[in-house]
Amino acid sequence: MEQIELRFLFIWGRGLLLLGTEARRGMALVFAPQRGRTLSLFCQLAQQAGLDVAQQQQYDAQVMDVHLKMLRQGKEVYDDNIHYPLLVTLTKGAQLISQAQ
């Protein structure tokens, strides 16, 4: 049985996440709003660096309910482009544990 080493990196606020090239495989979970094309460009750069990139808009029922409520109520202070974080999963190397399991 292969031993798995877990490492966690927490980034608060704006920051750049770099996955070390020395790692053979790994996973990073990033929560970030679209902010125009910023998230899309980040994902493109991650793919160019050899990472697999997946985006999820519906990752938590409670978060989605609040998001939809804010959209319906027409809150002038809520802009999903800058306030609603998408879940971006970056993976490197072999497929890790499936979310379906």
N, C-alpha and C. Protein backbone atom coordinates (compact mmCIF):
# COMPACT_ATOMS: atom_id res chain seq x y z
N MET A 1 0.84 -1.17 0.00
CA MET A 1 0.00 0.00 0.00
C MET A 1 0.89 1.24 0.00
N GLU A 2 0.59 2.15 -0.89
CA GLU A 2 1.38 3.38 -1.02
C GLU A 2 1.05 4.35 0.10
N GLN A 3 2.09 4.93 0.69
CA GLN A 3 1.89 5.93 1.73
C GLN A 3 1.65 7.29 1.08
N ILE A 4 0.66 8.00 1.58
CA ILE A 4 0.30 9.30 1.03
C ILE A 4 0.67 10.38 2.03
N GLU A 5 1.41 11.36 1.54
CA GLU A 5 1.77 12.48 2.38
C GLU A 5 0.83 13.64 2.06
N LEU A 6 0.23 14.20 3.08
CA LEU A 6 -0.70 15.31 2.89
C LEU A 6 -0.02 16.61 3.27
N ARG A 7 -0.15 17.58 2.40
CA ARG A 7 0.36 18.92 2.67
C ARG A 7 -0.74 19.90 2.38
N PHE A 8 -0.86 20.91 3.23
CA PHE A 8 -1.89 21.91 3.06
C PHE A 8 -1.27 23.29 2.98
N LEU A 9 -1.78 24.09 2.09
CA LEU A 9 -1.36 25.47 1.96
C LEU A 9 -2.61 26.32 1.92
N PHE A 10 -2.73 27.22 2.85
CA PHE A 10 -3.89 28.10 2.89
C PHE A 10 -3.46 29.49 2.43
N ILE A 11 -4.21 30.06 1.51
CA ILE A 11 -3.93 31.40 1.01
C ILE A 11 -5.14 32.25 1.33
N TRP A 12 -4.93 33.34 2.05
CA TRP A 12 -6.03 34.23 2.40
C TRP A 12 -5.94 35.48 1.55
N GLY A 13 -7.04 35.89 0.96
CA GLY A 13 -7.02 37.07 0.12
C GLY A 13 -6.45 36.75 -1.25
N ARG A 14 -5.93 37.78 -1.88
CA ARG A 14 -5.35 37.59 -3.21
C ARG A 14 -3.98 36.97 -3.09
N GLY A 15 -3.70 36.05 -3.95
CA GLY A 15 -2.39 35.40 -3.91
C GLY A 15 -2.19 34.54 -5.13
N LEU A 16 -1.00 34.15 -5.34
CA LEU A 16 -0.65 33.29 -6.46
C LEU A 16 -0.25 31.94 -5.91
N LEU A 17 -0.87 30.91 -6.41
CA LEU A 17 -0.58 29.56 -5.96
C LEU A 17 0.32 28.89 -7.00
N LEU A 18 1.47 28.49 -6.57
CA LEU A 18 2.39 27.79 -7.46
C LEU A 18 2.55 26.37 -6.95
N LEU A 19 2.36 25.41 -7.80
CA LEU A 19 2.60 24.02 -7.45
C LEU A 19 4.03 23.69 -7.85
N GLY A 20 4.80 23.20 -6.92
CA GLY A 20 6.20 22.90 -7.19
C GLY A 20 6.36 21.86 -8.28
N THR A 21 7.35 22.03 -9.12
CA THR A 21 7.58 21.09 -10.21
C THR A 21 8.18 19.80 -9.70
N GLU A 22 8.70 19.80 -8.45
CA GLU A 22 9.30 18.59 -7.92
C GLU A 22 8.25 17.56 -7.51
N ALA A 23 7.03 18.00 -7.29
CA ALA A 23 5.96 17.08 -6.91
C ALA A 23 5.51 16.28 -8.14
N ARG A 24 5.38 14.97 -7.98
CA ARG A 24 4.92 14.14 -9.09
C ARG A 24 3.42 14.18 -9.26
N ARG A 25 2.72 14.33 -8.15
CA ARG A 25 1.28 14.42 -8.24
C ARG A 25 0.75 15.18 -7.04
N GLY A 26 -0.43 15.74 -7.22
CA GLY A 26 -1.02 16.49 -6.13
C GLY A 26 -2.31 17.14 -6.56
N MET A 27 -2.94 17.79 -5.61
CA MET A 27 -4.22 18.45 -5.87
C MET A 27 -4.27 19.76 -5.09
N ALA A 28 -4.81 20.77 -5.73
CA ALA A 28 -5.05 22.05 -5.07
C ALA A 28 -6.49 22.45 -5.32
N LEU A 29 -7.15 22.92 -4.27
CA LEU A 29 -8.51 23.42 -4.38
C LEU A 29 -8.45 24.94 -4.21
N VAL A 30 -8.96 25.64 -5.20
CA VAL A 30 -8.93 27.10 -5.19
C VAL A 30 -10.36 27.60 -5.29
N PHE A 31 -10.73 28.48 -4.39
CA PHE A 31 -12.04 29.14 -4.46
C PHE A 31 -11.78 30.58 -4.89
N ALA A 32 -12.32 30.96 -6.05
CA ALA A 32 -12.07 32.30 -6.56
C ALA A 32 -13.22 32.73 -7.47
N PRO A 33 -13.60 34.00 -7.40
CA PRO A 33 -14.61 34.52 -8.32
C PRO A 33 -14.00 34.71 -9.70
N GLN A 34 -14.85 34.88 -10.70
CA GLN A 34 -14.36 35.02 -12.08
C GLN A 34 -13.55 36.30 -12.27
N ARG A 35 -13.97 37.39 -11.68
CA ARG A 35 -13.29 38.69 -11.81
C ARG A 35 -12.93 38.97 -13.27
N GLY A 36 -13.99 39.07 -14.08
CA GLY A 36 -13.77 39.30 -15.51
C GLY A 36 -13.13 38.08 -16.14
N ARG A 37 -11.95 38.24 -16.71
CA ARG A 37 -11.24 37.12 -17.35
C ARG A 37 -10.11 36.58 -16.48
N THR A 38 -9.96 37.13 -15.28
CA THR A 38 -8.82 36.77 -14.44
C THR A 38 -8.77 35.28 -14.12
N LEU A 39 -9.89 34.70 -13.69
CA LEU A 39 -9.91 33.27 -13.35
C LEU A 39 -9.67 32.42 -14.59
N SER A 40 -10.26 32.80 -15.69
CA SER A 40 -10.07 32.07 -16.94
C SER A 40 -8.59 32.07 -17.36
N LEU A 41 -7.95 33.22 -17.25
CA LEU A 41 -6.53 33.31 -17.59
C LEU A 41 -5.68 32.48 -16.65
N PHE A 42 -6.01 32.49 -15.35
CA PHE A 42 -5.30 31.66 -14.38
C PHE A 42 -5.40 30.18 -14.77
N CYS A 43 -6.62 29.74 -15.13
CA CYS A 43 -6.83 28.34 -15.51
C CYS A 43 -6.05 27.99 -16.78
N GLN A 44 -6.00 28.90 -17.73
CA GLN A 44 -5.23 28.67 -18.96
C GLN A 44 -3.74 28.52 -18.64
N LEU A 45 -3.22 29.37 -17.76
CA LEU A 45 -1.81 29.27 -17.38
C LEU A 45 -1.53 27.96 -16.65
N ALA A 46 -2.46 27.53 -15.80
CA ALA A 46 -2.29 26.26 -15.09
C ALA A 46 -2.26 25.10 -16.07
N GLN A 47 -3.12 25.13 -17.08
CA GLN A 47 -3.12 24.08 -18.10
C GLN A 47 -1.82 24.08 -18.90
N GLN A 48 -1.34 25.26 -19.23
CA GLN A 48 -0.08 25.37 -19.98
C GLN A 48 1.09 24.83 -19.15
N ALA A 49 0.97 24.90 -17.83
CA ALA A 49 2.01 24.39 -16.94
C ALA A 49 1.89 22.88 -16.73
N GLY A 50 0.89 22.25 -17.38
CA GLY A 50 0.75 20.80 -17.31
C GLY A 50 -0.22 20.31 -16.25
N LEU A 51 -1.03 21.19 -15.70
CA LEU A 51 -2.00 20.78 -14.68
C LEU A 51 -3.35 20.51 -15.33
N ASP A 52 -4.10 19.59 -14.74
CA ASP A 52 -5.48 19.36 -15.14
C ASP A 52 -6.34 20.33 -14.34
N VAL A 53 -7.27 20.99 -15.01
CA VAL A 53 -8.09 22.03 -14.38
C VAL A 53 -9.56 21.69 -14.54
N ALA A 54 -10.30 21.75 -13.43
CA ALA A 54 -11.75 21.54 -13.47
C ALA A 54 -12.41 22.65 -12.66
N GLN A 55 -13.49 23.20 -13.20
CA GLN A 55 -14.23 24.25 -12.50
C GLN A 55 -15.61 23.74 -12.14
N GLN A 56 -16.08 24.12 -10.95
CA GLN A 56 -17.43 23.77 -10.52
C GLN A 56 -18.12 25.03 -10.00
N GLN A 57 -19.33 25.24 -10.47
CA GLN A 57 -20.10 26.37 -9.98
C GLN A 57 -21.00 25.92 -8.82
N GLN A 58 -21.49 24.69 -8.88
CA GLN A 58 -22.38 24.16 -7.84
C GLN A 58 -21.62 23.12 -7.02
N TYR A 59 -20.98 23.56 -5.96
CA TYR A 59 -20.16 22.67 -5.13
C TYR A 59 -20.71 22.50 -3.72
N ASP A 60 -21.69 23.32 -3.36
CA ASP A 60 -22.28 23.23 -2.02
C ASP A 60 -23.71 23.76 -2.10
N ALA A 61 -24.66 22.98 -1.64
CA ALA A 61 -26.08 23.35 -1.75
C ALA A 61 -26.40 24.64 -0.99
N GLN A 62 -25.86 24.79 0.20
CA GLN A 62 -26.16 25.98 1.00
C GLN A 62 -25.57 27.24 0.36
N VAL A 63 -24.36 27.15 -0.13
CA VAL A 63 -23.73 28.28 -0.81
C VAL A 63 -24.51 28.65 -2.06
N MET A 64 -24.94 27.64 -2.82
CA MET A 64 -25.71 27.89 -4.04
C MET A 64 -27.06 28.53 -3.72
N ASP A 65 -27.71 28.09 -2.65
CA ASP A 65 -28.99 28.68 -2.26
C ASP A 65 -28.85 30.17 -1.95
N VAL A 66 -27.82 30.53 -1.21
CA VAL A 66 -27.60 31.94 -0.89
C VAL A 66 -27.28 32.72 -2.15
N HIS A 67 -26.47 32.15 -3.02
CA HIS A 67 -26.11 32.80 -4.29
C HIS A 67 -27.37 33.08 -5.12
N LEU A 68 -28.22 32.08 -5.27
CA LEU A 68 -29.45 32.25 -6.06
C LEU A 68 -30.40 33.25 -5.41
N LYS A 69 -30.47 33.22 -4.09
CA LYS A 69 -31.31 34.19 -3.37
C LYS A 69 -30.83 35.61 -3.63
N MET A 70 -29.52 35.82 -3.59
CA MET A 70 -28.97 37.15 -3.84
C MET A 70 -29.26 37.59 -5.28
N LEU A 71 -29.17 36.68 -6.23
CA LEU A 71 -29.46 37.03 -7.63
C LEU A 71 -30.94 37.39 -7.81
N ARG A 72 -31.83 36.60 -7.18
CA ARG A 72 -33.27 36.84 -7.31
C ARG A 72 -33.71 38.15 -6.68
N GLN A 73 -33.14 38.47 -5.55
CA GLN A 73 -33.57 39.67 -4.83
C GLN A 73 -33.00 40.94 -5.44
N GLY A 74 -32.15 40.79 -6.44
CA GLY A 74 -31.62 41.96 -7.12
C GLY A 74 -30.80 42.86 -6.23
N LYS A 75 -30.06 42.28 -5.33
CA LYS A 75 -29.23 43.07 -4.43
C LYS A 75 -28.23 43.88 -5.25
N GLU A 76 -28.28 45.18 -5.07
CA GLU A 76 -27.38 46.05 -5.82
C GLU A 76 -25.92 45.89 -5.40
N VAL A 77 -25.71 45.37 -4.21
CA VAL A 77 -24.34 45.23 -3.72
C VAL A 77 -23.73 43.87 -4.08
N TYR A 78 -24.53 42.99 -4.69
CA TYR A 78 -24.04 41.64 -5.01
C TYR A 78 -23.77 41.53 -6.50
N ASP A 79 -22.54 41.24 -6.82
CA ASP A 79 -22.13 41.03 -8.21
C ASP A 79 -21.43 39.67 -8.25
N ASP A 80 -22.11 38.67 -8.83
CA ASP A 80 -21.54 37.32 -8.81
C ASP A 80 -20.17 37.24 -9.49
N ASN A 81 -19.87 38.15 -10.39
CA ASN A 81 -18.58 38.18 -11.06
C ASN A 81 -17.43 38.41 -10.07
N ILE A 82 -17.70 39.16 -9.01
CA ILE A 82 -16.64 39.43 -8.03
C ILE A 82 -16.92 38.85 -6.65
N HIS A 83 -18.16 38.36 -6.42
CA HIS A 83 -18.50 37.87 -5.09
C HIS A 83 -18.68 36.36 -5.00
N TYR A 84 -19.11 35.71 -6.08
CA TYR A 84 -19.41 34.27 -5.99
C TYR A 84 -18.19 33.45 -6.41
N PRO A 85 -17.59 32.74 -5.46
CA PRO A 85 -16.40 31.96 -5.80
C PRO A 85 -16.74 30.64 -6.49
N LEU A 86 -16.04 30.35 -7.55
CA LEU A 86 -16.12 29.03 -8.19
C LEU A 86 -15.09 28.13 -7.53
N LEU A 87 -15.31 26.85 -7.59
CA LEU A 87 -14.34 25.87 -7.09
C LEU A 87 -13.50 25.41 -8.27
N VAL A 88 -12.21 25.66 -8.20
CA VAL A 88 -11.28 25.23 -9.24
C VAL A 88 -10.40 24.14 -8.64
N THR A 89 -10.39 22.98 -9.26
CA THR A 89 -9.56 21.87 -8.80
C THR A 89 -8.39 21.72 -9.78
N LEU A 90 -7.19 21.84 -9.24
CA LEU A 90 -5.98 21.66 -10.04
C LEU A 90 -5.35 20.34 -9.63
N THR A 91 -5.08 19.48 -10.59
CA THR A 91 -4.43 18.21 -10.28
C THR A 91 -3.21 18.02 -11.15
N LYS A 92 -2.27 17.30 -10.60
CA LYS A 92 -1.03 17.00 -11.31
C LYS A 92 -0.71 15.53 -11.11
N GLY A 93 -0.36 14.86 -12.19
CA GLY A 93 0.02 13.46 -12.09
C GLY A 93 -1.16 12.53 -12.15
N ALA A 94 -1.02 11.38 -11.51
CA ALA A 94 -2.04 10.32 -11.55
C ALA A 94 -3.35 10.82 -10.96
N GLN A 95 -4.44 10.24 -11.45
CA GLN A 95 -5.77 10.57 -10.96
C GLN A 95 -5.85 10.24 -9.48
N LEU A 96 -6.28 11.20 -8.68
CA LEU A 96 -6.45 10.98 -7.25
C LEU A 96 -7.82 10.39 -6.97
N ILE A 97 -8.16 10.26 -5.73
CA ILE A 97 -9.42 9.65 -5.33
C ILE A 97 -10.59 10.35 -6.01
N SER A 98 -11.45 9.57 -6.61
CA SER A 98 -12.60 10.11 -7.32
C SER A 98 -13.59 10.73 -6.35
N GLN A 99 -14.22 11.84 -6.77
CA GLN A 99 -15.22 12.48 -5.95
C GLN A 99 -16.48 11.63 -5.83
N ALA A 100 -16.66 10.71 -6.76
CA ALA A 100 -17.86 9.88 -6.75
C ALA A 100 -17.80 8.81 -5.65
N GLN A 101 -16.62 8.54 -5.13
CA GLN A 101 -16.49 7.49 -4.12
C GLN A 101 -16.91 7.96 -2.77
